[in-house]
Amino acid sequence: MKQKLVEVEPGKWRSDRLSIAPARSDLPRPNIISDIMEPTEQVDGRFYTSKAAFRATGRALGLTEVGNEKVKPKQRTSASREEKARRRETLKIALEKYKAGHRAKHVP
């Protein structure tokens, strides 16, 4: 296998290999997400055309923007040993009743 060398700069050579052109868009400039939006009413009754102002007002009023909230892990209200044992016992009794054929009556 022969390698062809290409002079990059005076005195600097590199192997001539197949290079893949970087992915480029046909668009004349990068995609920029604008802060401008259609007039939208916030809970305070005012209309906002700026996304930043709309979000700031929502946060100030204690609202959560859907899709941006960070979900906190749920914790049991009772994680004590006694509660866990009571839960297991309740489930065990319910399973035994189900295996014995006891079914809850459907209430319309």
C-alpha atoms as a PDB file:
ATOM      1  CA  MET A   1       0.000   0.000   0.000  1.00  0.00           C
ATOM      2  CA  LYS A   2       1.489   3.290  -1.087  1.00  0.00           C
ATOM      3  CA  GLN A   3       0.784   6.481   0.769  1.00  0.00           C
ATOM      4  CA  LYS A   4       0.670   9.786  -0.990  1.00  0.00           C
ATOM      5  CA  LEU A   5       2.054  12.717   0.974  1.00  0.00           C
ATOM      6  CA  VAL A   6       0.647  16.216   0.704  1.00  0.00           C
ATOM      7  CA  GLU A   7       2.530  19.337   1.768  1.00  0.00           C
ATOM      8  CA  VAL A   8       0.341  21.285   4.200  1.00  0.00           C
ATOM      9  CA  GLU A   9       2.852  24.036   4.988  1.00  0.00           C
ATOM     10  CA  PRO A  10       6.402  24.536   3.882  1.00  0.00           C
ATOM     11  CA  GLY A  11       8.280  21.650   5.456  1.00  0.00           C
ATOM     12  CA  LYS A  12       5.080  20.021   6.904  1.00  0.00           C
ATOM     13  CA  TRP A  13       3.689  16.931   5.269  1.00  0.00           C
ATOM     14  CA  ARG A  14       0.752  14.709   6.011  1.00  0.00           C
ATOM     15  CA  SER A  15      -0.671  11.554   4.607  1.00  0.00           C
ATOM     16  CA  ASP A  16      -3.283  12.168   1.901  1.00  0.00           C
ATOM     17  CA  ARG A  17      -6.312  10.284   3.154  1.00  0.00           C
ATOM     18  CA  LEU A  18      -9.973  10.410   2.403  1.00  0.00           C
ATOM     19  CA  SER A  19     -11.493  13.174   4.495  1.00  0.00           C
ATOM     20  CA  ILE A  20     -15.184  13.539   5.205  1.00  0.00           C
ATOM     21  CA  ALA A  21     -16.514  17.052   4.939  1.00  0.00           C
ATOM     22  CA  PRO A  22     -18.066  18.315   8.207  1.00  0.00           C
ATOM     23  CA  ALA A  23     -21.845  18.459   8.318  1.00  0.00           C
ATOM     24  CA  ARG A  24     -22.994  21.890   7.294  1.00  0.00           C
ATOM     25  CA  SER A  25     -26.444  23.370   6.971  1.00  0.00           C
ATOM     26  CA  ASP A  26     -27.723  25.070   3.849  1.00  0.00           C
ATOM     27  CA  LEU A  27     -29.025  27.868   6.068  1.00  0.00           C
ATOM     28  CA  PRO A  28     -27.144  31.175   5.895  1.00  0.00           C
ATOM     29  CA  ARG A  29     -26.780  31.483   9.688  1.00  0.00           C
ATOM     30  CA  PRO A  30     -27.157  29.367  12.842  1.00  0.00           C
ATOM     31  CA  ASN A  31     -30.558  28.631  14.345  1.00  0.00           C
ATOM     32  CA  ILE A  32     -31.224  31.114  17.120  1.00  0.00           C
ATOM     33  CA  ILE A  33     -34.197  30.688  19.419  1.00  0.00           C
ATOM     34  CA  SER A  34     -35.799  34.075  19.770  1.00  0.00           C
ATOM     35  CA  ASP A  35     -37.073  35.591  23.017  1.00  0.00           C
ATOM     36  CA  ILE A  36     -40.085  37.010  21.170  1.00  0.00           C
ATOM     37  CA  MET A  37     -43.414  35.153  21.304  1.00  0.00           C
ATOM     38  CA  GLU A  38     -47.051  35.807  20.525  1.00  0.00           C
ATOM     39  CA  PRO A  39     -48.793  37.870  23.247  1.00  0.00           C
ATOM     40  CA  THR A  40     -49.650  35.335  25.943  1.00  0.00           C
ATOM     41  CA  GLU A  41     -51.630  36.002  29.101  1.00  0.00           C
ATOM     42  CA  GLN A  42     -50.031  35.076  32.407  1.00  0.00           C
ATOM     43  CA  VAL A  43     -51.933  34.371  35.629  1.00  0.00           C
ATOM     44  CA  ASP A  44     -51.531  37.996  36.699  1.00  0.00           C
ATOM     45  CA  GLY A  45     -53.771  39.085  33.781  1.00  0.00           C
ATOM     46  CA  ARG A  46     -51.032  40.842  31.805  1.00  0.00           C
ATOM     47  CA  PHE A  47     -49.942  39.867  28.287  1.00  0.00           C
ATOM     48  CA  TYR A  48     -46.271  39.117  27.659  1.00  0.00           C
ATOM     49  CA  THR A  49     -44.364  39.021  24.366  1.00  0.00           C
ATOM     50  CA  SER A  50     -41.027  38.126  25.989  1.00  0.00           C
ATOM     51  CA  LYS A  51     -40.405  34.526  27.047  1.00  0.00           C
ATOM     52  CA  ALA A  52     -37.966  35.639  29.749  1.00  0.00           C
ATOM     53  CA  ALA A  53     -40.465  38.085  31.288  1.00  0.00           C
ATOM     54  CA  PHE A  54     -43.264  35.483  31.068  1.00  0.00           C
ATOM     55  CA  ARG A  55     -41.124  32.877  32.875  1.00  0.00           C
ATOM     56  CA  ALA A  56     -39.871  35.375  35.474  1.00  0.00           C
ATOM     57  CA  THR A  57     -43.447  36.379  36.340  1.00  0.00           C
ATOM     58  CA  GLY A  58     -44.478  32.736  36.632  1.00  0.00           C
ATOM     59  CA  ARG A  59     -41.556  31.944  38.922  1.00  0.00           C
ATOM     60  CA  ALA A  60     -42.286  35.022  41.060  1.00  0.00           C
ATOM     61  CA  LEU A  61     -45.877  33.799  41.481  1.00  0.00           C
ATOM     62  CA  GLY A  62     -44.666  30.332  42.515  1.00  0.00           C
ATOM     63  CA  LEU A  63     -45.732  28.569  39.313  1.00  0.00           C
ATOM     64  CA  THR A  64     -43.874  25.674  37.730  1.00  0.00           C
ATOM     65  CA  GLU A  65     -43.258  25.695  34.002  1.00  0.00           C
ATOM     66  CA  VAL A  66     -44.104  22.238  32.716  1.00  0.00           C
ATOM     67  CA  GLY A  67     -41.083  20.530  31.254  1.00  0.00           C
ATOM     68  CA  ASN A  68     -38.521  22.530  33.219  1.00  0.00           C
ATOM     69  CA  GLU A  69     -39.256  21.357  36.732  1.00  0.00           C
ATOM     70  CA  LYS A  70     -36.806  19.086  38.495  1.00  0.00           C
ATOM     71  CA  VAL A  71     -38.671  16.154  39.956  1.00  0.00           C
ATOM     72  CA  LYS A  72     -37.743  15.458  43.551  1.00  0.00           C
ATOM     73  CA  PRO A  73     -37.500  11.807  44.536  1.00  0.00           C
ATOM     74  CA  LYS A  74     -40.550  10.615  46.434  1.00  0.00           C
ATOM     75  CA  GLN A  75     -40.050   9.402  49.963  1.00  0.00           C
ATOM     76  CA  ARG A  76     -42.462   7.352  51.987  1.00  0.00           C
ATOM     77  CA  THR A  77     -44.133   9.240  54.785  1.00  0.00           C
ATOM     78  CA  SER A  78     -43.313   6.365  57.082  1.00  0.00           C
ATOM     79  CA  ALA A  79     -40.092   4.458  56.566  1.00  0.00           C
ATOM     80  CA  SER A  80     -39.836   2.968  60.045  1.00  0.00           C
ATOM     81  CA  ARG A  81     -39.428  -0.777  60.605  1.00  0.00           C
ATOM     82  CA  GLU A  82     -42.805  -1.054  62.280  1.00  0.00           C
ATOM     83  CA  GLU A  83     -44.558   0.559  59.304  1.00  0.00           C
ATOM     84  CA  LYS A  84     -42.719  -1.689  56.851  1.00  0.00           C
ATOM     85  CA  ALA A  85     -43.646  -4.786  58.870  1.00  0.00           C
ATOM     86  CA  ARG A  86     -47.279  -3.644  59.091  1.00  0.00           C
ATOM     87  CA  ARG A  87     -47.348  -3.040  55.322  1.00  0.00           C
ATOM     88  CA  ARG A  88     -45.914  -6.507  54.614  1.00  0.00           C
ATOM     89  CA  GLU A  89     -48.434  -8.142  56.943  1.00  0.00           C
ATOM     90  CA  THR A  90     -51.336  -6.287  55.303  1.00  0.00           C
ATOM     91  CA  LEU A  91     -50.171  -7.360  51.848  1.00  0.00           C
ATOM     92  CA  LYS A  92     -49.696 -10.944  53.031  1.00  0.00           C
ATOM     93  CA  ILE A  93     -53.270 -11.074  54.400  1.00  0.00           C
ATOM     94  CA  ALA A  94     -54.663  -9.544  51.196  1.00  0.00           C
ATOM     95  CA  LEU A  95     -52.792 -12.103  49.065  1.00  0.00           C
ATOM     96  CA  GLU A  96     -54.035 -15.004  51.220  1.00  0.00           C
ATOM     97  CA  LYS A  97     -57.639 -13.762  50.914  1.00  0.00           C
ATOM     98  CA  TYR A  98     -57.258 -13.444  47.141  1.00  0.00           C
ATOM     99  CA  LYS A  99     -55.843 -16.978  46.829  1.00  0.00           C
ATOM    100  CA  ALA A 100     -58.750 -18.240  48.950  1.00  0.00           C
ATOM    101  CA  GLY A 101     -61.181 -16.809  46.384  1.00  0.00           C
ATOM    102  CA  HIS A 102     -62.340 -13.693  48.196  1.00  0.00           C
ATOM    103  CA  ARG A 103     -62.979 -10.866  45.729  1.00  0.00           C
ATOM    104  CA  ALA A 104     -64.145  -7.330  46.363  1.00  0.00           C
ATOM    105  CA  LYS A 105     -67.666  -6.606  45.199  1.00  0.00           C
ATOM    106  CA  HIS A 106     -68.008  -4.196  42.330  1.00  0.00           C
ATOM    107  CA  VAL A 107     -69.927  -1.085  43.380  1.00  0.00           C
ATOM    108  CA  PRO A 108     -71.429   0.822  40.418  1.00  0.00           C
END
